[in-house]
């Protein structure tokens, strides 16, 4: 059980609304107090090291250590549906990368989101800009011609690992190939990634949906360079869920969440969130801010019901298990 909560040094300036403030601004500022938002931020950043998370983090730590050290490519696929913690894992890992003379600050890991219908020129432009390569301008065709420069740019700043989010977008069916820079073929992007990994020797992480399980059918070469597979899943409604909830409660220092440890409450939490970590955290963060706003020291069922309505709205087709 651990958490990663950066020190909160600056509070939102929600107090002291002037008499002539616009009505909308005044309404927004009075939704939650400064203290409620502060506590909410800390709860939102709380991380529980459940087994799937620990396994995936250990995998990425290994890849970071091996990146640029080995001639043989190393990589992994982190597979999970929306809200299972892939983005949270990335944020934690990036924040935890230590400073080193081996790579430029903030560039030991480079993370990119793969757009729908990815284009090679866009990838090249993003990578060159992130590595602070000068004069990264021009058309897609001109950027494509800078393709050989990317590996050298990565070596120059010491990047050891590239993490691609929404990597299932690489699996799109191949569009007709056009001239360089104008092609919308995801296969062309894959060709670029293969070349980049081989030349720069960086480790590669592909995170995305279950579609990544079928990467072999799209590109056996890319699958061979990302052989390790880790999964992040929603929790089933069993003892593992109750253990997760209790670990979250024990790790939350800024507010007393003991109310959630009751197995009956945990059951309702699962009904509300379907065991999805993002939905769980949305609900608990909202309930905590409501409690602080009302000067309450613990959660209760009424607060949980109010939080559910705040998160999913009054028109949600889902029934409120705390009502």
C-alpha atoms as a PDB file:
ATOM      1  CA  UNK A   1       0.000   0.000   0.000  1.00  0.00           C
ATOM      2  CA  UNK A   2       1.476   3.324  -1.017  1.00  0.00           C
ATOM      3  CA  UNK A   3       0.436   6.680  -2.296  1.00  0.00           C
ATOM      4  CA  UNK A   4       2.003   9.346  -4.393  1.00  0.00           C
ATOM      5  CA  UNK A   5       0.729  12.728  -3.281  1.00  0.00           C
ATOM      6  CA  UNK A   6       2.859  15.719  -4.254  1.00  0.00           C
ATOM      7  CA  UNK A   7       2.953  18.401  -1.609  1.00  0.00           C
ATOM      8  CA  UNK A   8       0.047  20.813  -2.006  1.00  0.00           C
ATOM      9  CA  UNK A   9       1.693  24.218  -1.855  1.00  0.00           C
ATOM     10  CA  UNK A  10      -0.769  26.462  -3.672  1.00  0.00           C
ATOM     11  CA  UNK A  11      -4.491  26.525  -3.022  1.00  0.00           C
ATOM     12  CA  UNK A  12      -6.967  27.650  -5.684  1.00  0.00           C
ATOM     13  CA  UNK A  13      -7.940  31.251  -5.060  1.00  0.00           C
ATOM     14  CA  UNK A  14     -11.578  30.584  -4.419  1.00  0.00           C
ATOM     15  CA  UNK A  15     -11.969  32.913  -1.445  1.00  0.00           C
ATOM     16  CA  UNK A  16     -12.524  36.620  -1.311  1.00  0.00           C
ATOM     17  CA  UNK A  17     -14.949  37.091  -4.195  1.00  0.00           C
ATOM     18  CA  UNK A  18     -15.318  40.746  -5.062  1.00  0.00           C
ATOM     19  CA  UNK A  19     -18.724  42.423  -5.069  1.00  0.00           C
ATOM     20  CA  UNK A  20     -18.565  43.007  -8.815  1.00  0.00           C
ATOM     21  CA  UNK A  21     -17.522  39.460  -9.774  1.00  0.00           C
ATOM     22  CA  UNK A  22     -19.531  37.940 -12.649  1.00  0.00           C
ATOM     23  CA  UNK A  23     -22.418  35.776 -11.490  1.00  0.00           C
ATOM     24  CA  UNK A  24     -21.009  32.642 -13.158  1.00  0.00           C
ATOM     25  CA  UNK A  25     -17.611  33.097 -11.535  1.00  0.00           C
ATOM     26  CA  UNK A  26     -19.168  33.615  -8.124  1.00  0.00           C
ATOM     27  CA  UNK A  27     -21.314  30.512  -8.523  1.00  0.00           C
ATOM     28  CA  UNK A  28     -18.314  28.419  -9.563  1.00  0.00           C
ATOM     29  CA  UNK A  29     -16.159  29.680  -6.707  1.00  0.00           C
ATOM     30  CA  UNK A  30     -18.794  28.792  -4.148  1.00  0.00           C
ATOM     31  CA  UNK A  31     -19.278  25.194  -5.283  1.00  0.00           C
ATOM     32  CA  UNK A  32     -16.511  23.873  -3.026  1.00  0.00           C
ATOM     33  CA  UNK A  33     -14.316  25.529  -0.436  1.00  0.00           C
ATOM     34  CA  UNK A  34     -10.548  25.775  -0.802  1.00  0.00           C
ATOM     35  CA  UNK A  35     -10.126  23.120   1.872  1.00  0.00           C
ATOM     36  CA  UNK A  36     -12.598  20.772   0.169  1.00  0.00           C
ATOM     37  CA  UNK A  37     -10.710  21.016  -3.118  1.00  0.00           C
ATOM     38  CA  UNK A  38      -7.368  20.555  -1.353  1.00  0.00           C
ATOM     39  CA  UNK A  39      -8.519  17.357   0.343  1.00  0.00           C
ATOM     40  CA  UNK A  40     -10.172  16.192  -2.866  1.00  0.00           C
ATOM     41  CA  UNK A  41      -6.898  16.568  -4.752  1.00  0.00           C
ATOM     42  CA  UNK A  42      -5.073  14.429  -2.203  1.00  0.00           C
ATOM     43  CA  UNK A  43      -7.730  11.709  -2.338  1.00  0.00           C
ATOM     44  CA  UNK A  44      -7.696  11.805  -6.140  1.00  0.00           C
ATOM     45  CA  UNK A  45      -3.923  11.239  -6.184  1.00  0.00           C
ATOM     46  CA  UNK A  46      -4.009   8.300  -3.811  1.00  0.00           C
ATOM     47  CA  UNK A  47      -2.674   5.077  -5.313  1.00  0.00           C
ATOM     48  CA  UNK A  48      -3.248   1.542  -4.082  1.00  0.00           C
ATOM     49  CA  UNK A  49      -0.582  -0.905  -5.163  1.00  0.00           C
ATOM     50  CA  UNK A  50      -2.856  -3.816  -5.942  1.00  0.00           C
ATOM     51  CA  UNK A  51      -1.286  -6.937  -7.520  1.00  0.00           C
ATOM     52  CA  UNK A  52      -1.990  -5.979 -11.139  1.00  0.00           C
ATOM     53  CA  UNK A  53      -0.577  -2.498 -10.607  1.00  0.00           C
ATOM     54  CA  UNK A  54       2.551  -3.825  -8.883  1.00  0.00           C
ATOM     55  CA  UNK A  55       3.185  -6.312 -11.672  1.00  0.00           C
ATOM     56  CA  UNK A  56       2.802  -3.685 -14.403  1.00  0.00           C
ATOM     57  CA  UNK A  57       4.984  -1.176 -12.539  1.00  0.00           C
ATOM     58  CA  UNK A  58       7.695  -3.783 -12.032  1.00  0.00           C
ATOM     59  CA  UNK A  59       7.579  -4.522 -15.758  1.00  0.00           C
ATOM     60  CA  UNK A  60       7.974  -0.861 -16.714  1.00  0.00           C
ATOM     61  CA  UNK A  61      10.791  -0.362 -14.189  1.00  0.00           C
ATOM     62  CA  UNK A  62      12.627  -3.251 -15.830  1.00  0.00           C
ATOM     63  CA  UNK A  63      12.118  -1.825 -19.322  1.00  0.00           C
ATOM     64  CA  UNK A  64      13.346   1.596 -18.231  1.00  0.00           C
ATOM     65  CA  UNK A  65      16.508   0.078 -16.803  1.00  0.00           C
ATOM     66  CA  UNK A  66      17.199  -1.934 -19.961  1.00  0.00           C
ATOM     67  CA  UNK A  67      16.355   0.846 -22.404  1.00  0.00           C
ATOM     68  CA  UNK A  68      19.361   1.854 -24.593  1.00  0.00           C
ATOM     69  CA  UNK A  69      21.534  -0.691 -22.762  1.00  0.00           C
ATOM     70  CA  UNK A  70      20.714  -3.727 -24.880  1.00  0.00           C
ATOM     71  CA  UNK A  71      20.896  -4.262 -28.608  1.00  0.00           C
ATOM     72  CA  UNK A  72      17.959  -6.671 -28.430  1.00  0.00           C
ATOM     73  CA  UNK A  73      14.643  -4.740 -28.340  1.00  0.00           C
ATOM     74  CA  UNK A  74      12.624  -4.821 -25.124  1.00  0.00           C
ATOM     75  CA  UNK A  75       9.002  -3.828 -24.772  1.00  0.00           C
ATOM     76  CA  UNK A  76       5.607  -4.587 -23.313  1.00  0.00           C
ATOM     77  CA  UNK A  77       1.893  -4.238 -23.848  1.00  0.00           C
ATOM     78  CA  UNK A  78      -0.206  -3.025 -20.911  1.00  0.00           C
ATOM     79  CA  UNK A  79      -3.755  -4.046 -21.697  1.00  0.00           C
ATOM     80  CA  UNK A  80      -6.910  -2.894 -19.979  1.00  0.00           C
ATOM     81  CA  UNK A  81     -10.306  -1.371 -20.578  1.00  0.00           C
ATOM     82  CA  UNK A  82     -11.033   2.284 -19.872  1.00  0.00           C
ATOM     83  CA  UNK A  83     -10.627   3.341 -16.253  1.00  0.00           C
ATOM     84  CA  UNK A  84      -8.532   0.411 -15.047  1.00  0.00           C
ATOM     85  CA  UNK A  85      -5.474   2.504 -14.168  1.00  0.00           C
ATOM     86  CA  UNK A  86      -3.275   2.647 -17.276  1.00  0.00           C
ATOM     87  CA  UNK A  87      -3.008   6.443 -17.299  1.00  0.00           C
ATOM     88  CA  UNK A  88      -2.551   6.538 -13.510  1.00  0.00           C
ATOM     89  CA  UNK A  89       0.304   4.057 -13.832  1.00  0.00           C
ATOM     90  CA  UNK A  90       1.952   6.238 -16.469  1.00  0.00           C
ATOM     91  CA  UNK A  91       1.613   9.404 -14.352  1.00  0.00           C
ATOM     92  CA  UNK A  92       3.052   7.684 -11.296  1.00  0.00           C
ATOM     93  CA  UNK A  93       5.938   6.191 -13.246  1.00  0.00           C
ATOM     94  CA  UNK A  94       6.861   9.496 -14.913  1.00  0.00           C
ATOM     95  CA  UNK A  95       6.788  11.315 -11.557  1.00  0.00           C
ATOM     96  CA  UNK A  96       8.936   8.630  -9.952  1.00  0.00           C
ATOM     97  CA  UNK A  97      11.724   8.617 -12.548  1.00  0.00           C
ATOM     98  CA  UNK A  98      14.832   9.861 -10.692  1.00  0.00           C
ATOM     99  CA  UNK A  99      17.073  12.599 -11.983  1.00  0.00           C
ATOM    100  CA  UNK A 100      20.180  11.327 -13.696  1.00  0.00           C
ATOM    101  CA  UNK A 101      23.078  12.575 -15.754  1.00  0.00           C
ATOM    102  CA  UNK A 102      22.232   9.813 -18.229  1.00  0.00           C
ATOM    103  CA  UNK A 103      19.194  11.663 -19.602  1.00  0.00           C
ATOM    104  CA  UNK A 104      17.836  15.194 -19.813  1.00  0.00           C
ATOM    105  CA  UNK A 105      15.429  16.119 -17.040  1.00  0.00           C
ATOM    106  CA  UNK A 106      11.901  15.091 -17.943  1.00  0.00           C
ATOM    107  CA  UNK A 107      12.987  13.204 -21.064  1.00  0.00           C
ATOM    108  CA  UNK A 108      14.009   9.824 -19.671  1.00  0.00           C
ATOM    109  CA  UNK A 109      10.476   8.735 -20.553  1.00  0.00           C
ATOM    110  CA  UNK A 110       8.510  10.149 -23.476  1.00  0.00           C
ATOM    111  CA  UNK A 111       4.766   9.512 -23.579  1.00  0.00           C
ATOM    112  CA  UNK A 112       2.555  10.051 -26.609  1.00  0.00           C
ATOM    113  CA  UNK A 113      -1.123   9.421 -27.283  1.00  0.00           C
ATOM    114  CA  UNK A 114      -1.746   7.603 -30.549  1.00  0.00           C
ATOM    115  CA  UNK A 115      -4.556   9.413 -32.401  1.00  0.00           C
ATOM    116  CA  UNK A 116      -7.153   7.737 -34.549  1.00  0.00           C
ATOM    117  CA  UNK A 117      -5.727   7.126 -38.032  1.00  0.00           C
ATOM    118  CA  UNK A 118      -2.173   8.004 -36.963  1.00  0.00           C
ATOM    119  CA  UNK A 119       0.231   9.581 -39.428  1.00  0.00           C
ATOM    120  CA  UNK A 120       3.974   9.123 -39.465  1.00  0.00           C
ATOM    121  CA  UNK A 121       4.703  12.810 -39.998  1.00  0.00           C
ATOM    122  CA  UNK A 122       2.759  13.704 -36.858  1.00  0.00           C
ATOM    123  CA  UNK A 123       4.749  11.194 -34.809  1.00  0.00           C
ATOM    124  CA  UNK A 124       8.022  12.542 -36.134  1.00  0.00           C
ATOM    125  CA  UNK A 125       7.018  16.126 -35.393  1.00  0.00           C
ATOM    126  CA  UNK A 126       5.873  15.324 -31.843  1.00  0.00           C
ATOM    127  CA  UNK A 127       9.024  13.385 -30.999  1.00  0.00           C
ATOM    128  CA  UNK A 128      11.344  16.036 -32.388  1.00  0.00           C
ATOM    129  CA  UNK A 129       9.521  18.803 -30.517  1.00  0.00           C
ATOM    130  CA  UNK A 130       9.594  16.830 -27.263  1.00  0.00           C
ATOM    131  CA  UNK A 131      13.336  16.309 -27.632  1.00  0.00           C
ATOM    132  CA  UNK A 132      13.677  20.064 -28.293  1.00  0.00           C
ATOM    133  CA  UNK A 133      15.030  19.547 -31.777  1.00  0.00           C
ATOM    134  CA  UNK A 134      15.275  22.929 -33.557  1.00  0.00           C
ATOM    135  CA  UNK A 135      13.254  23.979 -36.601  1.00  0.00           C
ATOM    136  CA  UNK A 136      10.488  21.388 -36.337  1.00  0.00           C
ATOM    137  CA  UNK A 137       8.185  23.016 -38.855  1.00  0.00           C
ATOM    138  CA  UNK A 138       6.857  22.187 -42.263  1.00  0.00           C
ATOM    139  CA  UNK A 139       4.325  20.006 -43.995  1.00  0.00           C
ATOM    140  CA  UNK A 140       3.715  16.358 -43.209  1.00  0.00           C
ATOM    141  CA  UNK A 141       5.899  15.449 -46.178  1.00  0.00           C
ATOM    142  CA  UNK A 142       8.737  17.665 -44.929  1.00  0.00           C
ATOM    143  CA  UNK A 143       8.447  16.183 -41.433  1.00  0.00           C
ATOM    144  CA  UNK A 144       8.536  12.688 -42.886  1.00  0.00           C
ATOM    145  CA  UNK A 145      11.878  13.509 -44.460  1.00  0.00           C
ATOM    146  CA  UNK A 146      13.236  14.187 -40.945  1.00  0.00           C
ATOM    147  CA  UNK A 147      12.575  10.551 -40.045  1.00  0.00           C
ATOM    148  CA  UNK A 148      16.292   9.624 -39.717  1.00  0.00           C
ATOM    149  CA  UNK A 149      16.787  12.445 -37.188  1.00  0.00           C
ATOM    150  CA  UNK A 150      14.442  11.067 -34.536  1.00  0.00           C
ATOM    151  CA  UNK A 151      16.684   8.262 -33.284  1.00  0.00           C
ATOM    152  CA  UNK A 152      19.620  10.655 -32.978  1.00  0.00           C
ATOM    153  CA  UNK A 153      17.453  13.177 -31.132  1.00  0.00           C
ATOM    154  CA  UNK A 154      16.379  10.513 -28.636  1.00  0.00           C
ATOM    155  CA  UNK A 155      19.977   9.470 -28.086  1.00  0.00           C
ATOM    156  CA  UNK A 156      20.951  13.114 -27.604  1.00  0.00           C
ATOM    157  CA  UNK A 157      18.600  13.602 -24.658  1.00  0.00           C
ATOM    158  CA  UNK A 158      19.081  10.081 -23.282  1.00  0.00           C
ATOM    159  CA  UNK A 159      15.498   8.850 -23.632  1.00  0.00           C
ATOM    160  CA  UNK A 160      15.260   5.261 -22.402  1.00  0.00           C
ATOM    161  CA  UNK A 161      11.580   4.456 -22.852  1.00  0.00           C
ATOM    162  CA  UNK A 162       8.735   5.515 -25.142  1.00  0.00           C
ATOM    163  CA  UNK A 163       5.192   4.960 -23.877  1.00  0.00           C
ATOM    164  CA  UNK A 164       2.348   5.040 -26.402  1.00  0.00           C
ATOM    165  CA  UNK A 165      -1.157   5.474 -24.977  1.00  0.00           C
ATOM    166  CA  UNK A 166      -4.263   4.424 -26.954  1.00  0.00           C
ATOM    167  CA  UNK A 167      -1.949   2.115 -28.862  1.00  0.00           C
ATOM    168  CA  UNK A 168      -4.930   0.153 -30.154  1.00  0.00           C
ATOM    169  CA  UNK A 169      -5.207   2.923 -32.749  1.00  0.00           C
ATOM    170  CA  UNK A 170      -2.159   1.357 -34.387  1.00  0.00           C
ATOM    171  CA  UNK A 171      -4.401  -1.603 -35.168  1.00  0.00           C
ATOM    172  CA  UNK A 172      -6.613   0.233 -37.634  1.00  0.00           C
ATOM    173  CA  UNK A 173      -7.030  -1.408 -40.994  1.00  0.00           C
ATOM    174  CA  UNK A 174      -4.488  -0.281 -43.515  1.00  0.00           C
ATOM    175  CA  UNK A 175      -5.618   2.639 -45.658  1.00  0.00           C
ATOM    176  CA  UNK A 176      -4.407   3.003 -49.253  1.00  0.00           C
ATOM    177  CA  UNK A 177      -0.801   4.102 -49.283  1.00  0.00           C
ATOM    178  CA  UNK A 178      -0.212   7.552 -50.683  1.00  0.00           C
ATOM    179  CA  UNK A 179       2.881   9.719 -51.025  1.00  0.00           C
ATOM    180  CA  UNK A 180       5.196  10.013 -48.024  1.00  0.00           C
ATOM    181  CA  UNK A 181       3.769  12.311 -45.386  1.00  0.00           C
ATOM    182  CA  UNK A 182       0.250  12.092 -46.772  1.00  0.00           C
ATOM    183  CA  UNK A 183      -0.286   8.411 -45.957  1.00  0.00           C
ATOM    184  CA  UNK A 184      -2.816   7.715 -43.231  1.00  0.00           C
ATOM    185  CA  UNK A 185      -1.779   4.084 -42.975  1.00  0.00           C
ATOM    186  CA  UNK A 186      -1.213   2.846 -39.458  1.00  0.00           C
ATOM    187  CA  UNK A 187       1.099   0.245 -40.989  1.00  0.00           C
ATOM    188  CA  UNK A 188       3.431   3.024 -42.057  1.00  0.00           C
ATOM    189  CA  UNK A 189       3.528   4.269 -38.461  1.00  0.00           C
ATOM    190  CA  UNK A 190       4.327   0.748 -37.303  1.00  0.00           C
ATOM    191  CA  UNK A 191       7.172   0.592 -39.817  1.00  0.00           C
ATOM    192  CA  UNK A 192       8.492   3.845 -38.360  1.00  0.00           C
ATOM    193  CA  UNK A 193       8.259   2.501 -34.791  1.00  0.00           C
ATOM    194  CA  UNK A 194      10.123  -0.657 -35.745  1.00  0.00           C
ATOM    195  CA  UNK A 195      12.897   1.389 -37.292  1.00  0.00           C
ATOM    196  CA  UNK A 196      12.995   3.775 -34.332  1.00  0.00           C
ATOM    197  CA  UNK A 197      13.214   1.017 -31.716  1.00  0.00           C
ATOM    198  CA  UNK A 198      15.934  -0.800 -33.629  1.00  0.00           C
ATOM    199  CA  UNK A 199      18.049   2.310 -34.194  1.00  0.00           C
ATOM    200  CA  UNK A 200      17.629   4.077 -30.850  1.00  0.00           C
ATOM    201  CA  UNK A 201      17.399   0.888 -28.730  1.00  0.00           C
ATOM    202  CA  UNK A 202      14.800   2.511 -26.474  1.00  0.00           C
ATOM    203  CA  UNK A 203      12.262   0.308 -24.727  1.00  0.00           C
ATOM    204  CA  UNK A 204       8.685   0.537 -25.974  1.00  0.00           C
ATOM    205  CA  UNK A 205       5.446   0.333 -23.986  1.00  0.00           C
ATOM    206  CA  UNK A 206       2.117   0.052 -25.781  1.00  0.00           C
ATOM    207  CA  UNK A 207      -0.865   0.651 -23.503  1.00  0.00           C
ATOM    208  CA  UNK A 208      -4.431   0.340 -24.640  1.00  0.00           C
ATOM    209  CA  UNK A 209      -7.526  -1.784 -24.952  1.00  0.00           C
ATOM    210  CA  UNK A 210      -7.937  -5.510 -25.393  1.00  0.00           C
ATOM    211  CA  UNK A 211      -7.397  -5.028 -29.134  1.00  0.00           C
ATOM    212  CA  UNK A 212      -3.652  -5.120 -28.428  1.00  0.00           C
ATOM    213  CA  UNK A 213      -3.986  -8.838 -27.759  1.00  0.00           C
ATOM    214  CA  UNK A 214      -4.275  -9.279 -31.538  1.00  0.00           C
ATOM    215  CA  UNK A 215      -1.185  -7.262 -32.410  1.00  0.00           C
ATOM    216  CA  UNK A 216       0.495 -10.375 -33.816  1.00  0.00           C
ATOM    217  CA  UNK A 217      -2.107 -10.504 -36.583  1.00  0.00           C
ATOM    218  CA  UNK A 218      -1.365  -6.908 -37.593  1.00  0.00           C
ATOM    219  CA  UNK A 219       2.406  -6.784 -37.126  1.00  0.00           C
ATOM    220  CA  UNK A 220       4.328  -9.817 -35.964  1.00  0.00           C
ATOM    221  CA  UNK A 221       7.457  -7.641 -35.908  1.00  0.00           C
ATOM    222  CA  UNK A 222       6.002  -5.103 -33.458  1.00  0.00           C
ATOM    223  CA  UNK A 223       4.512  -7.884 -31.343  1.00  0.00           C
ATOM    224  CA  UNK A 224       7.954  -9.495 -31.146  1.00  0.00           C
ATOM    225  CA  UNK A 225       9.383  -6.214 -29.841  1.00  0.00           C
ATOM    226  CA  UNK A 226       6.672  -5.935 -27.169  1.00  0.00           C
ATOM    227  CA  UNK A 227       6.472  -9.550 -25.985  1.00  0.00           C
ATOM    228  CA  UNK A 228       5.637  -8.881 -22.325  1.00  0.00           C
ATOM    229  CA  UNK A 229       1.919  -8.570 -21.602  1.00  0.00           C
ATOM    230  CA  UNK A 230       0.503  -7.089 -18.396  1.00  0.00           C
ATOM    231  CA  UNK A 231      -3.191  -6.607 -17.659  1.00  0.00           C
ATOM    232  CA  UNK A 232      -5.080  -4.062 -15.590  1.00  0.00           C
ATOM    233  CA  UNK A 233      -8.695  -5.008 -14.955  1.00  0.00           C
ATOM    234  CA  UNK A 234     -11.723  -3.897 -13.005  1.00  0.00           C
ATOM    235  CA  UNK A 235     -12.226  -5.697  -9.707  1.00  0.00           C
ATOM    236  CA  UNK A 236     -14.788  -8.493  -9.379  1.00  0.00           C
ATOM    237  CA  UNK A 237     -17.215  -8.271  -6.486  1.00  0.00           C
ATOM    238  CA  UNK A 238     -15.301 -10.544  -4.146  1.00  0.00           C
ATOM    239  CA  UNK A 239     -12.689 -10.424  -1.388  1.00  0.00           C
ATOM    240  CA  UNK A 240     -10.194  -8.729  -3.716  1.00  0.00           C
ATOM    241  CA  UNK A 241     -12.547  -5.746  -4.027  1.00  0.00           C
ATOM    242  CA  UNK A 242     -13.057  -5.527  -0.276  1.00  0.00           C
ATOM    243  CA  UNK A 243      -9.285  -5.716   0.189  1.00  0.00           C
ATOM    244  CA  UNK A 244      -8.753  -2.919  -2.319  1.00  0.00           C
ATOM    245  CA  UNK A 245     -11.330  -0.659  -0.648  1.00  0.00           C
ATOM    246  CA  UNK A 246      -9.845  -1.246   2.799  1.00  0.00           C
ATOM    247  CA  UNK A 247      -6.326  -0.552   1.505  1.00  0.00           C
ATOM    248  CA  UNK A 248      -7.556   2.696  -0.031  1.00  0.00           C
ATOM    249  CA  UNK A 249      -9.167   3.689   3.271  1.00  0.00           C
ATOM    250  CA  UNK A 250      -6.022   2.863   5.250  1.00  0.00           C
ATOM    251  CA  UNK A 251      -3.877   4.889   2.870  1.00  0.00           C
ATOM    252  CA  UNK A 252      -6.055   7.987   2.969  1.00  0.00           C
ATOM    253  CA  UNK A 253      -4.523  10.273   5.586  1.00  0.00           C
ATOM    254  CA  UNK A 254      -6.232  13.617   4.822  1.00  0.00           C
ATOM    255  CA  UNK A 255      -9.764  12.331   5.543  1.00  0.00           C
ATOM    256  CA  UNK A 256     -11.425   9.528   7.500  1.00  0.00           C
ATOM    257  CA  UNK A 257     -12.946   7.051   5.027  1.00  0.00           C
ATOM    258  CA  UNK A 258     -13.600   4.322   7.617  1.00  0.00           C
ATOM    259  CA  UNK A 259     -17.286   4.248   6.632  1.00  0.00           C
ATOM    260  CA  UNK A 260     -16.291   2.499   3.402  1.00  0.00           C
ATOM    261  CA  UNK A 261     -14.787  -0.518   5.192  1.00  0.00           C
ATOM    262  CA  UNK A 262     -18.210  -1.924   6.016  1.00  0.00           C
ATOM    263  CA  UNK A 263     -18.741  -4.911   3.659  1.00  0.00           C
ATOM    264  CA  UNK A 264     -22.284  -3.714   2.929  1.00  0.00           C
ATOM    265  CA  UNK A 265     -20.984  -0.295   1.885  1.00  0.00           C
ATOM    266  CA  UNK A 266     -18.207  -1.876  -0.169  1.00  0.00           C
ATOM    267  CA  UNK A 267     -20.873  -3.939  -1.938  1.00  0.00           C
ATOM    268  CA  UNK A 268     -22.761  -0.784  -2.866  1.00  0.00           C
ATOM    269  CA  UNK A 269     -19.515   0.818  -3.976  1.00  0.00           C
ATOM    270  CA  UNK A 270     -19.017  -2.037  -6.400  1.00  0.00           C
ATOM    271  CA  UNK A 271     -22.562  -1.639  -7.687  1.00  0.00           C
ATOM    272  CA  UNK A 272     -21.888   2.063  -8.233  1.00  0.00           C
ATOM    273  CA  UNK A 273     -18.503   1.677  -9.917  1.00  0.00           C
ATOM    274  CA  UNK A 274     -18.640  -1.845 -11.387  1.00  0.00           C
ATOM    275  CA  UNK A 275     -15.241  -2.333  -9.772  1.00  0.00           C
ATOM    276  CA  UNK A 276     -13.749   0.256 -12.133  1.00  0.00           C
ATOM    277  CA  UNK A 277     -10.956   2.221 -10.448  1.00  0.00           C
ATOM    278  CA  UNK A 278     -11.649   5.505 -12.230  1.00  0.00           C
ATOM    279  CA  UNK A 279     -15.337   5.444 -11.347  1.00  0.00           C
ATOM    280  CA  UNK A 280     -14.511   4.443  -7.781  1.00  0.00           C
ATOM    281  CA  UNK A 281     -12.132   7.350  -7.382  1.00  0.00           C
ATOM    282  CA  UNK A 282     -14.553   9.822  -8.978  1.00  0.00           C
ATOM    283  CA  UNK A 283     -17.212   8.834  -6.461  1.00  0.00           C
ATOM    284  CA  UNK A 284     -14.982   8.848  -3.370  1.00  0.00           C
ATOM    285  CA  UNK A 285     -13.297  12.133  -4.275  1.00  0.00           C
ATOM    286  CA  UNK A 286     -16.684  13.789  -4.756  1.00  0.00           C
ATOM    287  CA  UNK A 287     -18.042  12.405  -1.484  1.00  0.00           C
ATOM    288  CA  UNK A 288     -14.972  13.601   0.395  1.00  0.00           C
ATOM    289  CA  UNK A 289     -15.277  17.140  -0.964  1.00  0.00           C
ATOM    290  CA  UNK A 290     -18.961  17.209  -0.055  1.00  0.00           C
ATOM    291  CA  UNK A 291     -18.105  16.108   3.486  1.00  0.00           C
ATOM    292  CA  UNK A 292     -15.400  18.740   3.945  1.00  0.00           C
ATOM    293  CA  UNK A 293     -17.705  21.383   2.514  1.00  0.00           C
ATOM    294  CA  UNK A 294     -20.308  20.479   5.140  1.00  0.00           C
ATOM    295  CA  UNK A 295     -17.711  20.384   7.948  1.00  0.00           C
ATOM    296  CA  UNK A 296     -18.250  16.655   8.473  1.00  0.00           C
ATOM    297  CA  UNK A 297     -15.447  14.439   9.722  1.00  0.00           C
ATOM    298  CA  UNK A 298     -16.520  11.151   8.111  1.00  0.00           C
ATOM    299  CA  UNK A 299     -18.571   9.887   5.192  1.00  0.00           C
ATOM    300  CA  UNK A 300     -22.126   8.579   5.480  1.00  0.00           C
ATOM    301  CA  UNK A 301     -24.759   7.110   3.179  1.00  0.00           C
ATOM    302  CA  UNK A 302     -26.406  10.471   2.500  1.00  0.00           C
ATOM    303  CA  UNK A 303     -23.095  11.931   1.324  1.00  0.00           C
ATOM    304  CA  UNK A 304     -22.462   8.909  -0.875  1.00  0.00           C
ATOM    305  CA  UNK A 305     -25.885   9.330  -2.446  1.00  0.00           C
ATOM    306  CA  UNK A 306     -25.252  13.021  -3.100  1.00  0.00           C
ATOM    307  CA  UNK A 307     -21.843  12.231  -4.564  1.00  0.00           C
ATOM    308  CA  UNK A 308     -23.333   9.594  -6.864  1.00  0.00           C
ATOM    309  CA  UNK A 309     -25.833  12.115  -8.213  1.00  0.00           C
ATOM    310  CA  UNK A 310     -23.109  14.735  -8.646  1.00  0.00           C
ATOM    311  CA  UNK A 311     -20.886  12.347 -10.623  1.00  0.00           C
ATOM    312  CA  UNK A 312     -23.483  10.615 -12.808  1.00  0.00           C
ATOM    313  CA  UNK A 313     -26.222  13.239 -12.919  1.00  0.00           C
ATOM    314  CA  UNK A 314     -29.942  13.238 -12.280  1.00  0.00           C
ATOM    315  CA  UNK A 315     -30.746  11.792 -15.727  1.00  0.00           C
ATOM    316  CA  UNK A 316     -28.444   8.784 -15.473  1.00  0.00           C
ATOM    317  CA  UNK A 317     -30.144   5.485 -16.406  1.00  0.00           C
ATOM    318  CA  UNK A 318     -28.173   3.822 -13.615  1.00  0.00           C
ATOM    319  CA  UNK A 319     -29.874   3.449 -10.247  1.00  0.00           C
ATOM    320  CA  UNK A 320     -28.242   5.042  -7.222  1.00  0.00           C
ATOM    321  CA  UNK A 321     -27.253   2.211  -4.831  1.00  0.00           C
ATOM    322  CA  UNK A 322     -26.921   4.697  -1.967  1.00  0.00           C
ATOM    323  CA  UNK A 323     -30.362   6.272  -2.390  1.00  0.00           C
END
